[in-house]
Each structure stands twice: as structure tokens, then as C-alpha cells.
Amino acid sequence: GPGRESSVRALGALGIRITSISDVTPVPHNGCRPQKRRRI
């Protein structure tokens, strides 16, 4: 999210060394189709 850079910097300031950061945000590659628009 928007605060991940600052959180990594805060953890580094505490003395915790961050070796790797993996972004596991689920990105749909055109997965589920949206519902058909209702016509009235």
C-alpha cells in the first residue's frame, strides 16, 4: 500500500534488517468477468 516504504524504513531504524520484500497483492489477470448490466 502507500505506507509500505515508510514501514520498511521504520523497521530498519529499529535495527531490524530487511533482506527481501515480497509483494503478494492479488492482481487479477482478467479473472472473473463482471456481471452483465441490467437493462430495464
PDB file of N, CA and C in Angstrom:
ATOM      1  N   GLY A   1       0.806  -1.197   0.000  1.00  0.00           N
ATOM      2  CA  GLY A   1       0.000   0.000   0.000  1.00  0.00           C
ATOM      3  C   GLY A   1       0.845   1.255   0.000  1.00  0.00           C
ATOM      4  N   PRO A   2       0.257   2.397   0.303  1.00  0.00           N
ATOM      5  CA  PRO A   2       1.021   3.641   0.280  1.00  0.00           C
ATOM      6  C   PRO A   2       2.025   3.761   1.424  1.00  0.00           C
ATOM      7  N   GLY A   3       1.844   3.016   2.524  1.00  0.00           N
ATOM      8  CA  GLY A   3       2.724   3.154   3.674  1.00  0.00           C
ATOM      9  C   GLY A   3       3.779   2.075   3.793  1.00  0.00           C
ATOM     10  N   ARG A   4       4.018   1.325   2.727  1.00  0.00           N
ATOM     11  CA  ARG A   4       4.979   0.227   2.870  1.00  0.00           C
ATOM     12  C   ARG A   4       6.410   0.732   2.909  1.00  0.00           C
ATOM     13  N   GLU A   5       6.701   1.811   2.142  1.00  0.00           N
ATOM     14  CA  GLU A   5       8.064   2.353   2.160  1.00  0.00           C
ATOM     15  C   GLU A   5       8.417   2.877   3.543  1.00  0.00           C
ATOM     16  N   SER A   6       7.493   3.622   4.149  1.00  0.00           N
ATOM     17  CA  SER A   6       7.764   4.198   5.463  1.00  0.00           C
ATOM     18  C   SER A   6       7.836   3.116   6.527  1.00  0.00           C
ATOM     19  N   SER A   7       7.040   2.050   6.385  1.00  0.00           N
ATOM     20  CA  SER A   7       7.096   0.976   7.380  1.00  0.00           C
ATOM     21  C   SER A   7       8.425   0.236   7.298  1.00  0.00           C
ATOM     22  N   VAL A   8       8.931   0.042   6.087  1.00  0.00           N
ATOM     23  CA  VAL A   8      10.235  -0.606   5.932  1.00  0.00           C
ATOM     24  C   VAL A   8      11.323   0.268   6.536  1.00  0.00           C
ATOM     25  N   ARG A   9      11.210   1.585   6.335  1.00  0.00           N
ATOM     26  CA  ARG A   9      12.203   2.496   6.894  1.00  0.00           C
ATOM     27  C   ARG A   9      12.133   2.509   8.413  1.00  0.00           C
ATOM     28  N   ALA A  10      10.924   2.440   8.970  1.00  0.00           N
ATOM     29  CA  ALA A  10      10.774   2.432  10.424  1.00  0.00           C
ATOM     30  C   ALA A  10      11.350   1.156  11.019  1.00  0.00           C
ATOM     31  N   LEU A  11      11.119   0.022  10.363  1.00  0.00           N
ATOM     32  CA  LEU A  11      11.684  -1.237  10.859  1.00  0.00           C
ATOM     33  C   LEU A  11      13.206  -1.213  10.776  1.00  0.00           C
ATOM     34  N   GLY A  12      13.744  -0.607   9.719  1.00  0.00           N
ATOM     35  CA  GLY A  12      15.192  -0.501   9.602  1.00  0.00           C
ATOM     36  C   GLY A  12      15.778   0.382  10.685  1.00  0.00           C
ATOM     37  N   ALA A  13      15.041   1.423  11.086  1.00  0.00           N
ATOM     38  CA  ALA A  13      15.522   2.305  12.143  1.00  0.00           C
ATOM     39  C   ALA A  13      15.544   1.589  13.486  1.00  0.00           C
ATOM     40  N   LEU A  14      14.675   0.595  13.659  1.00  0.00           N
ATOM     41  CA  LEU A  14      14.652  -0.165  14.909  1.00  0.00           C
ATOM     42  C   LEU A  14      15.806  -1.165  15.002  1.00  0.00           C
ATOM     43  N   GLY A  15      16.497  -1.378  13.902  1.00  0.00           N
ATOM     44  CA  GLY A  15      17.620  -2.304  13.914  1.00  0.00           C
ATOM     45  C   GLY A  15      17.277  -3.649  13.306  1.00  0.00           C
ATOM     46  N   ILE A  16      16.129  -3.748  12.669  1.00  0.00           N
ATOM     47  CA  ILE A  16      15.741  -4.993  12.011  1.00  0.00           C
ATOM     48  C   ILE A  16      16.165  -4.900  10.556  1.00  0.00           C
ATOM     49  N   ARG A  17      17.017  -5.836  10.137  1.00  0.00           N
ATOM     50  CA  ARG A  17      17.495  -5.808   8.758  1.00  0.00           C
ATOM     51  C   ARG A  17      16.490  -6.528   7.867  1.00  0.00           C
ATOM     52  N   ILE A  18      16.063  -5.844   6.826  1.00  0.00           N
ATOM     53  CA  ILE A  18      15.114  -6.421   5.879  1.00  0.00           C
ATOM     54  C   ILE A  18      15.904  -6.913   4.672  1.00  0.00           C
ATOM     55  N   THR A  19      15.815  -8.229   4.441  1.00  0.00           N
ATOM     56  CA  THR A  19      16.587  -8.807   3.340  1.00  0.00           C
ATOM     57  C   THR A  19      15.772  -8.852   2.060  1.00  0.00           C
ATOM     58  N   SER A  20      14.491  -9.221   2.165  1.00  0.00           N
ATOM     59  CA  SER A  20      13.675  -9.306   0.954  1.00  0.00           C
ATOM     60  C   SER A  20      12.243  -8.925   1.273  1.00  0.00           C
ATOM     61  N   ILE A  21      11.623  -8.223   0.342  1.00  0.00           N
ATOM     62  CA  ILE A  21      10.226  -7.824   0.482  1.00  0.00           C
ATOM     63  C   ILE A  21       9.473  -8.407  -0.707  1.00  0.00           C
ATOM     64  N   SER A  22       8.441  -9.202  -0.417  1.00  0.00           N
ATOM     65  CA  SER A  22       7.643  -9.786  -1.493  1.00  0.00           C
ATOM     66  C   SER A  22       6.262  -9.156  -1.487  1.00  0.00           C
ATOM     67  N   ASP A  23       5.856  -8.644  -2.642  1.00  0.00           N
ATOM     68  CA  ASP A  23       4.544  -8.028  -2.793  1.00  0.00           C
ATOM     69  C   ASP A  23       3.563  -9.116  -3.200  1.00  0.00           C
ATOM     70  N   VAL A  24       2.623  -9.442  -2.312  1.00  0.00           N
ATOM     71  CA  VAL A  24       1.682 -10.525  -2.585  1.00  0.00           C
ATOM     72  C   VAL A  24       0.269  -9.965  -2.777  1.00  0.00           C
ATOM     73  N   THR A  25       0.198  -8.762  -3.373  1.00  0.00           N
ATOM     74  CA  THR A  25      -1.109  -8.184  -3.651  1.00  0.00           C
ATOM     75  C   THR A  25      -1.765  -8.968  -4.783  1.00  0.00           C
ATOM     76  N   PRO A  26      -2.968  -9.495  -4.576  1.00  0.00           N
ATOM     77  CA  PRO A  26      -3.591 -10.283  -5.644  1.00  0.00           C
ATOM     78  C   PRO A  26      -4.033  -9.403  -6.808  1.00  0.00           C
ATOM     79  N   VAL A  27      -3.421  -9.613  -7.975  1.00  0.00           N
ATOM     80  CA  VAL A  27      -3.768  -8.851  -9.167  1.00  0.00           C
ATOM     81  C   VAL A  27      -4.475  -9.795 -10.128  1.00  0.00           C
ATOM     82  N   PRO A  28      -5.765  -9.591 -10.396  1.00  0.00           N
ATOM     83  CA  PRO A  28      -6.461 -10.486 -11.325  1.00  0.00           C
ATOM     84  C   PRO A  28      -6.053 -10.210 -12.766  1.00  0.00           C
ATOM     85  N   HIS A  29      -5.592 -11.246 -13.468  1.00  0.00           N
ATOM     86  CA  HIS A  29      -5.262 -11.121 -14.884  1.00  0.00           C
ATOM     87  C   HIS A  29      -6.519 -11.449 -15.678  1.00  0.00           C
ATOM     88  N   ASN A  30      -7.471 -10.515 -15.630  1.00  0.00           N
ATOM     89  CA  ASN A  30      -8.768 -10.703 -16.274  1.00  0.00           C
ATOM     90  C   ASN A  30      -9.416 -11.992 -15.769  1.00  0.00           C
ATOM     91  N   GLY A  31      -9.503 -12.128 -14.457  1.00  0.00           N
ATOM     92  CA  GLY A  31     -10.006 -13.357 -13.864  1.00  0.00           C
ATOM     93  C   GLY A  31     -11.510 -13.500 -13.983  1.00  0.00           C
ATOM     94  N   CYS A  32     -12.268 -12.864 -13.098  1.00  0.00           N
ATOM     95  CA  CYS A  32     -13.719 -13.007 -13.085  1.00  0.00           C
ATOM     96  C   CYS A  32     -14.340 -11.905 -13.929  1.00  0.00           C
ATOM     97  N   ARG A  33     -15.298 -12.286 -14.751  1.00  0.00           N
ATOM     98  CA  ARG A  33     -15.998 -11.284 -15.557  1.00  0.00           C
ATOM     99  C   ARG A  33     -17.028 -10.587 -14.692  1.00  0.00           C
ATOM    100  N   PRO A  34     -17.205  -9.274 -14.879  1.00  0.00           N
ATOM    101  CA  PRO A  34     -18.241  -8.573 -14.117  1.00  0.00           C
ATOM    102  C   PRO A  34     -19.624  -9.005 -14.568  1.00  0.00           C
ATOM    103  N   GLN A  35     -20.608  -8.771 -13.704  1.00  0.00           N
ATOM    104  CA  GLN A  35     -21.977  -9.151 -14.028  1.00  0.00           C
ATOM    105  C   GLN A  35     -22.483  -8.351 -15.213  1.00  0.00           C
ATOM    106  N   LYS A  36     -23.382  -8.977 -15.972  1.00  0.00           N
ATOM    107  CA  LYS A  36     -23.981  -8.305 -17.116  1.00  0.00           C
ATOM    108  C   LYS A  36     -24.840  -7.139 -16.626  1.00  0.00           C
ATOM    109  N   ARG A  37     -24.754  -5.995 -17.311  1.00  0.00           N
ATOM    110  CA  ARG A  37     -25.513  -4.812 -16.913  1.00  0.00           C
ATOM    111  C   ARG A  37     -27.004  -5.084 -17.034  1.00  0.00           C
ATOM    112  N   ARG A  38     -27.748  -4.695 -16.001  1.00  0.00           N
ATOM    113  CA  ARG A  38     -29.198  -4.913 -16.003  1.00  0.00           C
ATOM    114  C   ARG A  38     -29.883  -3.862 -16.861  1.00  0.00           C
ATOM    115  N   ARG A  39     -30.641  -4.334 -17.831  1.00  0.00           N
ATOM    116  CA  ARG A  39     -31.414  -3.426 -18.683  1.00  0.00           C
ATOM    117  C   ARG A  39     -32.855  -3.415 -18.202  1.00  0.00           C
ATOM    118  N   ILE A  40     -33.402  -2.226 -18.095  1.00  0.00           N
ATOM    119  CA  ILE A  40     -34.784  -2.090 -17.611  1.00  0.00           C
ATOM    120  C   ILE A  40     -35.677  -1.650 -18.776  1.00  0.00           C
TER     121      ILE A  40
END
